[in-house]
Amino acid sequence: MMLTPGMRLSRDARTSYQIIERAWTGARHDYFLARKVFWNFRYPAEVLDEAGADEWLDVLVRVPRGEATGSHDVALEWRAVFERPTVPWMLEPIDLLDPPATGSPSSPVAPLLVLADPHAARLSAGPPPDREAADRLARVLSEIPAMLGQLHHGGLAAGPLEPGDFLVDSTGRWFYLGTDRIATGSGAAARDDRDHWSRLVSLVLTGSEEIEGLDPGPWAEEARRIHRSWR
């Protein structure tokens, strides 16, 4: 789906989002930087005026791509994940929007998810460039089992974990983007999540999917230490 700079997506007369630019492309979604438009009432005017751009809210618009289009229930994701009582690792959901008309009635229709923009960078496969970066990543990776444990307690499982599904801001706070893969999971799915997490640790700190048998590297022992921490 093509969203272009300056395009406006609207749900009603007072709910609009203006596209700024594409932020990044993932395996399942494209993410666009956008801004939520606000309106002000200025006395003695009798109608609302559109606020200046400096008063708009920075957001991300998630657009499904490829097989994700039409194959995922975003409304269910909203209820099962975003409406949970404590989800400090998820971005704040703001809105669901119908996609722009494509002119092709056979094209699948999938809602666009609007999320608060945390102004954070995506994780990437390692190795980290220096000790400071490695320490920061090690802390984030060590906190992810808490999120998984909370999902498991609610009868859910995360599924595969990819570095690009995580955002980390300048303060070290992190956010999980892979909410579309969260699903009802049994004990076996929870055990699989541990394997997914171990693979993620290896990818982020060493660039390899498997830590076992990895040649000694600058952060290989750090990855092994984190692996041993979830018992």
C-alpha atoms as a PDB file:
ATOM      1  CA  MET A   1       0.000   0.000   0.000  1.00  0.00           C
ATOM      2  CA  MET A   2       1.451   3.330  -1.020  1.00  0.00           C
ATOM      3  CA  LEU A   3       1.229   6.167   1.490  1.00  0.00           C
ATOM      4  CA  THR A   4       2.873   9.367   0.344  1.00  0.00           C
ATOM      5  CA  PRO A   5       4.160  12.420   2.259  1.00  0.00           C
ATOM      6  CA  GLY A   6       1.364  14.900   2.850  1.00  0.00           C
ATOM      7  CA  MET A   7      -1.416  12.325   2.461  1.00  0.00           C
ATOM      8  CA  ARG A   8      -4.127  12.513   5.117  1.00  0.00           C
ATOM      9  CA  LEU A   9      -5.851   9.482   6.588  1.00  0.00           C
ATOM     10  CA  SER A  10      -9.167  10.250   8.286  1.00  0.00           C
ATOM     11  CA  ARG A  11     -11.676   8.323  10.354  1.00  0.00           C
ATOM     12  CA  ASP A  12     -14.153  11.184  10.686  1.00  0.00           C
ATOM     13  CA  ALA A  13     -14.318  14.962  10.339  1.00  0.00           C
ATOM     14  CA  ARG A  14     -12.163  15.537  13.435  1.00  0.00           C
ATOM     15  CA  THR A  15      -9.800  12.544  13.322  1.00  0.00           C
ATOM     16  CA  SER A  16      -7.001  12.911  10.781  1.00  0.00           C
ATOM     17  CA  TYR A  17      -3.382  11.855  10.461  1.00  0.00           C
ATOM     18  CA  GLN A  18      -0.932  13.398   8.016  1.00  0.00           C
ATOM     19  CA  ILE A  19       1.789  11.146   6.604  1.00  0.00           C
ATOM     20  CA  ILE A  20       5.335  12.521   6.928  1.00  0.00           C
ATOM     21  CA  GLU A  21       7.497   9.767   5.443  1.00  0.00           C
ATOM     22  CA  ARG A  22       8.223   6.045   5.543  1.00  0.00           C
ATOM     23  CA  ALA A  23      10.082   5.180   8.749  1.00  0.00           C
ATOM     24  CA  TRP A  24      11.140   1.609   7.897  1.00  0.00           C
ATOM     25  CA  THR A  25      10.017  -1.573   6.181  1.00  0.00           C
ATOM     26  CA  GLY A  26       9.713  -4.840   8.062  1.00  0.00           C
ATOM     27  CA  ALA A  27       8.904  -8.377   7.000  1.00  0.00           C
ATOM     28  CA  ARG A  28       5.211  -8.001   7.822  1.00  0.00           C
ATOM     29  CA  HIS A  29       4.554  -4.260   7.937  1.00  0.00           C
ATOM     30  CA  ASP A  30       5.630  -0.879   6.677  1.00  0.00           C
ATOM     31  CA  TYR A  31       5.833   1.846   9.323  1.00  0.00           C
ATOM     32  CA  PHE A  32       5.234   5.487   8.468  1.00  0.00           C
ATOM     33  CA  LEU A  33       5.979   8.593  10.500  1.00  0.00           C
ATOM     34  CA  ALA A  34       2.823  10.678  10.741  1.00  0.00           C
ATOM     35  CA  ARG A  35       1.211  13.361  12.891  1.00  0.00           C
ATOM     36  CA  LYS A  36      -2.240  13.422  14.455  1.00  0.00           C
ATOM     37  CA  VAL A  37      -4.023  16.654  13.567  1.00  0.00           C
ATOM     38  CA  PHE A  38      -5.794  18.592  16.316  1.00  0.00           C
ATOM     39  CA  TRP A  39      -8.410  21.343  16.255  1.00  0.00           C
ATOM     40  CA  ASN A  40      -8.784  24.304  18.622  1.00  0.00           C
ATOM     41  CA  PHE A  41     -11.718  26.444  19.676  1.00  0.00           C
ATOM     42  CA  ARG A  42     -10.749  30.092  19.704  1.00  0.00           C
ATOM     43  CA  TYR A  43     -13.273  32.497  21.189  1.00  0.00           C
ATOM     44  CA  PRO A  44     -15.231  34.299  19.764  1.00  0.00           C
ATOM     45  CA  ALA A  45     -15.127  31.983  16.728  1.00  0.00           C
ATOM     46  CA  GLU A  46     -18.069  29.607  16.518  1.00  0.00           C
ATOM     47  CA  VAL A  47     -16.225  26.788  14.756  1.00  0.00           C
ATOM     48  CA  LEU A  48     -13.126  24.740  15.458  1.00  0.00           C
ATOM     49  CA  ASP A  49      -9.943  25.772  13.676  1.00  0.00           C
ATOM     50  CA  GLU A  50      -7.192  23.341  12.712  1.00  0.00           C
ATOM     51  CA  ALA A  51      -4.291  23.727  15.129  1.00  0.00           C
ATOM     52  CA  GLY A  52      -0.844  24.608  13.852  1.00  0.00           C
ATOM     53  CA  ALA A  53       1.484  21.763  12.909  1.00  0.00           C
ATOM     54  CA  ASP A  54       3.592  22.434  16.027  1.00  0.00           C
ATOM     55  CA  GLU A  55       0.611  21.285  18.128  1.00  0.00           C
ATOM     56  CA  TRP A  56       0.125  17.949  16.367  1.00  0.00           C
ATOM     57  CA  LEU A  57       1.088  14.593  17.916  1.00  0.00           C
ATOM     58  CA  ASP A  58       3.843  12.394  16.472  1.00  0.00           C
ATOM     59  CA  VAL A  59       2.564   8.900  15.658  1.00  0.00           C
ATOM     60  CA  LEU A  60       3.493   5.770  13.731  1.00  0.00           C
ATOM     61  CA  VAL A  61       1.119   4.235  11.181  1.00  0.00           C
ATOM     62  CA  ARG A  62       1.534   0.465  10.740  1.00  0.00           C
ATOM     63  CA  VAL A  63       0.569  -0.770   7.277  1.00  0.00           C
ATOM     64  CA  PRO A  64       0.359  -4.549   6.622  1.00  0.00           C
ATOM     65  CA  ARG A  65       2.269  -5.810   3.638  1.00  0.00           C
ATOM     66  CA  GLY A  66       2.463  -9.063   1.698  1.00  0.00           C
ATOM     67  CA  GLU A  67       0.888 -12.035   3.435  1.00  0.00           C
ATOM     68  CA  ALA A  68      -0.015  -9.897   6.449  1.00  0.00           C
ATOM     69  CA  THR A  69      -2.638  -8.074   4.383  1.00  0.00           C
ATOM     70  CA  GLY A  70      -6.032  -9.490   5.220  1.00  0.00           C
ATOM     71  CA  SER A  71      -4.601 -12.421   7.217  1.00  0.00           C
ATOM     72  CA  HIS A  72      -4.503 -10.818  10.648  1.00  0.00           C
ATOM     73  CA  ASP A  73      -7.338  -9.637  12.896  1.00  0.00           C
ATOM     74  CA  VAL A  74      -6.121  -6.244  14.133  1.00  0.00           C
ATOM     75  CA  ALA A  75      -9.243  -5.736  16.253  1.00  0.00           C
ATOM     76  CA  LEU A  76      -8.492  -9.006  18.070  1.00  0.00           C
ATOM     77  CA  GLU A  77      -4.880  -7.903  18.558  1.00  0.00           C
ATOM     78  CA  TRP A  78      -6.161  -4.670  20.108  1.00  0.00           C
ATOM     79  CA  ARG A  79      -8.415  -6.520  22.563  1.00  0.00           C
ATOM     80  CA  ALA A  80      -6.054  -9.375  23.432  1.00  0.00           C
ATOM     81  CA  VAL A  81      -2.836  -7.376  23.716  1.00  0.00           C
ATOM     82  CA  PHE A  82      -3.299  -3.635  23.988  1.00  0.00           C
ATOM     83  CA  GLU A  83      -6.248  -3.752  26.392  1.00  0.00           C
ATOM     84  CA  ARG A  84      -4.418  -5.939  28.897  1.00  0.00           C
ATOM     85  CA  PRO A  85      -4.074  -4.210  32.297  1.00  0.00           C
ATOM     86  CA  THR A  86      -0.273  -4.003  32.301  1.00  0.00           C
ATOM     87  CA  VAL A  87       1.563  -3.826  29.014  1.00  0.00           C
ATOM     88  CA  PRO A  88       4.457  -1.399  29.667  1.00  0.00           C
ATOM     89  CA  TRP A  89       6.485  -2.836  26.795  1.00  0.00           C
ATOM     90  CA  MET A  90       3.913  -2.153  24.068  1.00  0.00           C
ATOM     91  CA  LEU A  91       3.462   1.093  22.184  1.00  0.00           C
ATOM     92  CA  GLU A  92       0.320   3.004  23.083  1.00  0.00           C
ATOM     93  CA  PRO A  93      -2.422   2.276  20.523  1.00  0.00           C
ATOM     94  CA  ILE A  94      -4.242   5.363  19.305  1.00  0.00           C
ATOM     95  CA  ASP A  95      -6.531   4.417  16.446  1.00  0.00           C
ATOM     96  CA  LEU A  96      -7.595   1.925  13.786  1.00  0.00           C
ATOM     97  CA  LEU A  97      -8.170   3.339  10.301  1.00  0.00           C
ATOM     98  CA  ASP A  98      -9.596   1.970   7.109  1.00  0.00           C
ATOM     99  CA  PRO A  99      -6.926   1.964   4.383  1.00  0.00           C
ATOM    100  CA  PRO A 100      -7.198   4.362   1.440  1.00  0.00           C
ATOM    101  CA  ALA A 101      -9.299   3.061  -1.438  1.00  0.00           C
ATOM    102  CA  THR A 102      -7.190   1.119  -3.936  1.00  0.00           C
ATOM    103  CA  GLY A 103      -9.702   1.115  -6.785  1.00  0.00           C
ATOM    104  CA  SER A 104      -9.616  -2.688  -6.814  1.00  0.00           C
ATOM    105  CA  PRO A 105     -12.639  -4.284  -5.114  1.00  0.00           C
ATOM    106  CA  SER A 106     -10.800  -7.617  -4.930  1.00  0.00           C
ATOM    107  CA  SER A 107      -7.963  -6.196  -2.826  1.00  0.00           C
ATOM    108  CA  PRO A 108      -8.106  -7.342   0.821  1.00  0.00           C
ATOM    109  CA  VAL A 109      -8.948  -4.628   3.309  1.00  0.00           C
ATOM    110  CA  ALA A 110      -6.839  -4.525   6.472  1.00  0.00           C
ATOM    111  CA  PRO A 111      -7.092  -1.739   9.047  1.00  0.00           C
ATOM    112  CA  LEU A 112      -4.100   0.507   9.636  1.00  0.00           C
ATOM    113  CA  LEU A 113      -2.905   0.649  13.227  1.00  0.00           C
ATOM    114  CA  VAL A 114      -1.915   4.054  14.626  1.00  0.00           C
ATOM    115  CA  LEU A 115       0.582   3.962  17.516  1.00  0.00           C
ATOM    116  CA  ALA A 116       2.290   6.594  19.637  1.00  0.00           C
ATOM    117  CA  ASP A 117       5.770   7.362  18.301  1.00  0.00           C
ATOM    118  CA  PRO A 118       8.379   6.706  21.033  1.00  0.00           C
ATOM    119  CA  HIS A 119      11.189   8.296  18.991  1.00  0.00           C
ATOM    120  CA  ALA A 120      13.258   5.145  19.369  1.00  0.00           C
ATOM    121  CA  ALA A 121      15.602   3.097  17.182  1.00  0.00           C
ATOM    122  CA  ARG A 122      15.152  -0.519  16.103  1.00  0.00           C
ATOM    123  CA  LEU A 123      17.445  -3.227  17.386  1.00  0.00           C
ATOM    124  CA  SER A 124      19.689  -4.833  14.817  1.00  0.00           C
ATOM    125  CA  ALA A 125      21.763  -7.996  14.706  1.00  0.00           C
ATOM    126  CA  GLY A 126      25.166  -7.613  16.407  1.00  0.00           C
ATOM    127  CA  PRO A 127      27.840  -7.515  17.400  1.00  0.00           C
ATOM    128  CA  PRO A 128      27.506  -4.149  19.178  1.00  0.00           C
ATOM    129  CA  PRO A 129      30.096  -1.501  18.299  1.00  0.00           C
ATOM    130  CA  ASP A 130      31.400  -0.946  21.839  1.00  0.00           C
ATOM    131  CA  ARG A 131      31.117  -1.886  25.507  1.00  0.00           C
ATOM    132  CA  GLU A 132      28.556   0.813  26.288  1.00  0.00           C
ATOM    133  CA  ALA A 133      26.247  -0.392  23.522  1.00  0.00           C
ATOM    134  CA  ALA A 134      26.704  -4.015  24.610  1.00  0.00           C
ATOM    135  CA  ASP A 135      25.778  -3.174  28.213  1.00  0.00           C
ATOM    136  CA  ARG A 136      22.682  -1.297  27.064  1.00  0.00           C
ATOM    137  CA  LEU A 137      21.569  -4.163  24.854  1.00  0.00           C
ATOM    138  CA  ALA A 138      22.298  -6.737  27.556  1.00  0.00           C
ATOM    139  CA  ARG A 139      19.957  -4.904  29.935  1.00  0.00           C
ATOM    140  CA  VAL A 140      17.165  -4.812  27.354  1.00  0.00           C
ATOM    141  CA  LEU A 141      17.600  -8.487  26.471  1.00  0.00           C
ATOM    142  CA  SER A 142      17.587  -9.441  30.158  1.00  0.00           C
ATOM    143  CA  GLU A 143      14.223  -7.687  30.652  1.00  0.00           C
ATOM    144  CA  ILE A 144      12.394  -9.388  27.777  1.00  0.00           C
ATOM    145  CA  PRO A 145      11.650 -12.589  29.795  1.00  0.00           C
ATOM    146  CA  ALA A 146       9.489 -10.424  32.102  1.00  0.00           C
ATOM    147  CA  MET A 147       7.295  -9.522  29.134  1.00  0.00           C
ATOM    148  CA  LEU A 148       7.154 -13.145  28.000  1.00  0.00           C
ATOM    149  CA  GLY A 149       6.300 -14.292  31.513  1.00  0.00           C
ATOM    150  CA  GLN A 150       3.397 -11.865  31.680  1.00  0.00           C
ATOM    151  CA  LEU A 151       2.079 -13.092  28.338  1.00  0.00           C
ATOM    152  CA  HIS A 152       2.398 -16.728  29.458  1.00  0.00           C
ATOM    153  CA  HIS A 153       0.521 -15.927  32.670  1.00  0.00           C
ATOM    154  CA  GLY A 154      -2.342 -14.691  30.496  1.00  0.00           C
ATOM    155  CA  GLY A 155      -2.325 -17.809  28.316  1.00  0.00           C
ATOM    156  CA  LEU A 156      -0.540 -16.093  25.421  1.00  0.00           C
ATOM    157  CA  ALA A 157       2.719 -16.695  23.576  1.00  0.00           C
ATOM    158  CA  ALA A 158       4.844 -14.261  21.598  1.00  0.00           C
ATOM    159  CA  GLY A 159       6.118 -16.515  18.835  1.00  0.00           C
ATOM    160  CA  PRO A 160       9.308 -15.709  16.878  1.00  0.00           C
ATOM    161  CA  LEU A 161      11.287 -12.696  18.123  1.00  0.00           C
ATOM    162  CA  GLU A 162      13.230 -10.622  15.610  1.00  0.00           C
ATOM    163  CA  PRO A 163      15.647  -7.761  16.427  1.00  0.00           C
ATOM    164  CA  GLY A 164      13.620  -5.371  14.257  1.00  0.00           C
ATOM    165  CA  ASP A 165      10.548  -6.024  16.431  1.00  0.00           C
ATOM    166  CA  PHE A 166      12.123  -4.063  19.292  1.00  0.00           C
ATOM    167  CA  LEU A 167      12.615  -0.315  19.674  1.00  0.00           C
ATOM    168  CA  VAL A 168      14.964   1.252  22.257  1.00  0.00           C
ATOM    169  CA  ASP A 169      14.853   4.977  23.062  1.00  0.00           C
ATOM    170  CA  SER A 170      17.656   7.253  24.269  1.00  0.00           C
ATOM    171  CA  THR A 171      16.846   6.486  27.930  1.00  0.00           C
ATOM    172  CA  GLY A 172      17.106   2.723  27.427  1.00  0.00           C
ATOM    173  CA  ARG A 173      13.352   2.126  27.573  1.00  0.00           C
ATOM    174  CA  TRP A 174      12.262  -0.497  25.048  1.00  0.00           C
ATOM    175  CA  PHE A 175       9.089  -1.338  23.179  1.00  0.00           C
ATOM    176  CA  TYR A 176       7.873  -4.479  21.411  1.00  0.00           C
ATOM    177  CA  LEU A 177       6.396  -4.202  17.902  1.00  0.00           C
ATOM    178  CA  GLY A 178       5.624  -7.866  17.212  1.00  0.00           C
ATOM    179  CA  THR A 179       2.181  -7.756  18.814  1.00  0.00           C
ATOM    180  CA  ASP A 180       0.519  -9.111  15.668  1.00  0.00           C
ATOM    181  CA  ARG A 181       2.217 -12.478  16.314  1.00  0.00           C
ATOM    182  CA  ILE A 182       0.998 -12.804  19.912  1.00  0.00           C
ATOM    183  CA  ALA A 183      -1.541 -15.627  20.101  1.00  0.00           C
ATOM    184  CA  THR A 184      -3.108 -18.076  22.521  1.00  0.00           C
ATOM    185  CA  GLY A 185      -0.367 -20.451  23.592  1.00  0.00           C
ATOM    186  CA  SER A 186      -0.028 -23.652  25.602  1.00  0.00           C
ATOM    187  CA  GLY A 187       2.884 -24.711  27.765  1.00  0.00           C
ATOM    188  CA  ALA A 188       4.693 -25.912  24.661  1.00  0.00           C
ATOM    189  CA  ALA A 189       4.332 -22.478  23.040  1.00  0.00           C
ATOM    190  CA  ALA A 190       5.726 -20.879  26.190  1.00  0.00           C
ATOM    191  CA  ARG A 191       8.754 -23.188  25.997  1.00  0.00           C
ATOM    192  CA  ASP A 192       9.180 -22.228  22.357  1.00  0.00           C
ATOM    193  CA  ASP A 193       9.244 -18.583  23.428  1.00  0.00           C
ATOM    194  CA  ARG A 194      12.300 -19.318  25.530  1.00  0.00           C
ATOM    195  CA  ASP A 195      14.048 -20.708  22.463  1.00  0.00           C
ATOM    196  CA  HIS A 196      12.983 -17.658  20.445  1.00  0.00           C
ATOM    197  CA  TRP A 197      14.422 -15.404  23.156  1.00  0.00           C
ATOM    198  CA  SER A 198      17.712 -17.317  23.212  1.00  0.00           C
ATOM    199  CA  ARG A 199      18.017 -16.926  19.446  1.00  0.00           C
ATOM    200  CA  LEU A 200      17.305 -13.190  19.787  1.00  0.00           C
ATOM    201  CA  VAL A 201      20.054 -12.790  22.411  1.00  0.00           C
ATOM    202  CA  SER A 202      22.556 -14.475  20.092  1.00  0.00           C
ATOM    203  CA  LEU A 203      21.514 -12.407  17.076  1.00  0.00           C
ATOM    204  CA  VAL A 204      21.673  -9.047  18.860  1.00  0.00           C
ATOM    205  CA  LEU A 205      24.970  -9.602  20.678  1.00  0.00           C
ATOM    206  CA  THR A 206      26.899 -11.789  18.248  1.00  0.00           C
ATOM    207  CA  GLY A 207      25.113 -11.703  14.888  1.00  0.00           C
ATOM    208  CA  SER A 208      24.772 -15.494  14.987  1.00  0.00           C
ATOM    209  CA  GLU A 209      21.504 -17.394  15.552  1.00  0.00           C
ATOM    210  CA  GLU A 210      23.234 -20.056  17.665  1.00  0.00           C
ATOM    211  CA  ILE A 211      25.408 -19.267  20.662  1.00  0.00           C
ATOM    212  CA  GLU A 212      26.561 -22.875  21.147  1.00  0.00           C
ATOM    213  CA  GLY A 213      29.821 -23.526  19.364  1.00  0.00           C
ATOM    214  CA  LEU A 214      30.274 -19.873  18.482  1.00  0.00           C
ATOM    215  CA  ASP A 215      33.871 -18.785  18.115  1.00  0.00           C
ATOM    216  CA  PRO A 216      35.015 -16.505  20.931  1.00  0.00           C
ATOM    217  CA  GLY A 217      34.042 -12.932  20.144  1.00  0.00           C
ATOM    218  CA  PRO A 218      33.789  -9.639  22.004  1.00  0.00           C
ATOM    219  CA  TRP A 219      30.284 -10.298  23.322  1.00  0.00           C
ATOM    220  CA  ALA A 220      29.887 -14.087  23.040  1.00  0.00           C
ATOM    221  CA  GLU A 221      30.422 -14.632  26.780  1.00  0.00           C
ATOM    222  CA  GLU A 222      27.908 -11.850  27.536  1.00  0.00           C
ATOM    223  CA  ALA A 223      25.350 -13.702  25.387  1.00  0.00           C
ATOM    224  CA  ARG A 224      26.063 -16.958  27.232  1.00  0.00           C
ATOM    225  CA  ARG A 225      25.654 -15.214  30.595  1.00  0.00           C
ATOM    226  CA  ILE A 226      22.248 -13.844  29.583  1.00  0.00           C
ATOM    227  CA  HIS A 227      21.206 -17.276  28.314  1.00  0.00           C
ATOM    228  CA  ARG A 228      22.015 -18.786  31.721  1.00  0.00           C
ATOM    229  CA  SER A 229      20.001 -16.104  33.536  1.00  0.00           C
ATOM    230  CA  TRP A 230      16.579 -17.514  32.563  1.00  0.00           C
ATOM    231  CA  ARG A 231      16.263 -20.766  34.427  1.00  0.00           C
END
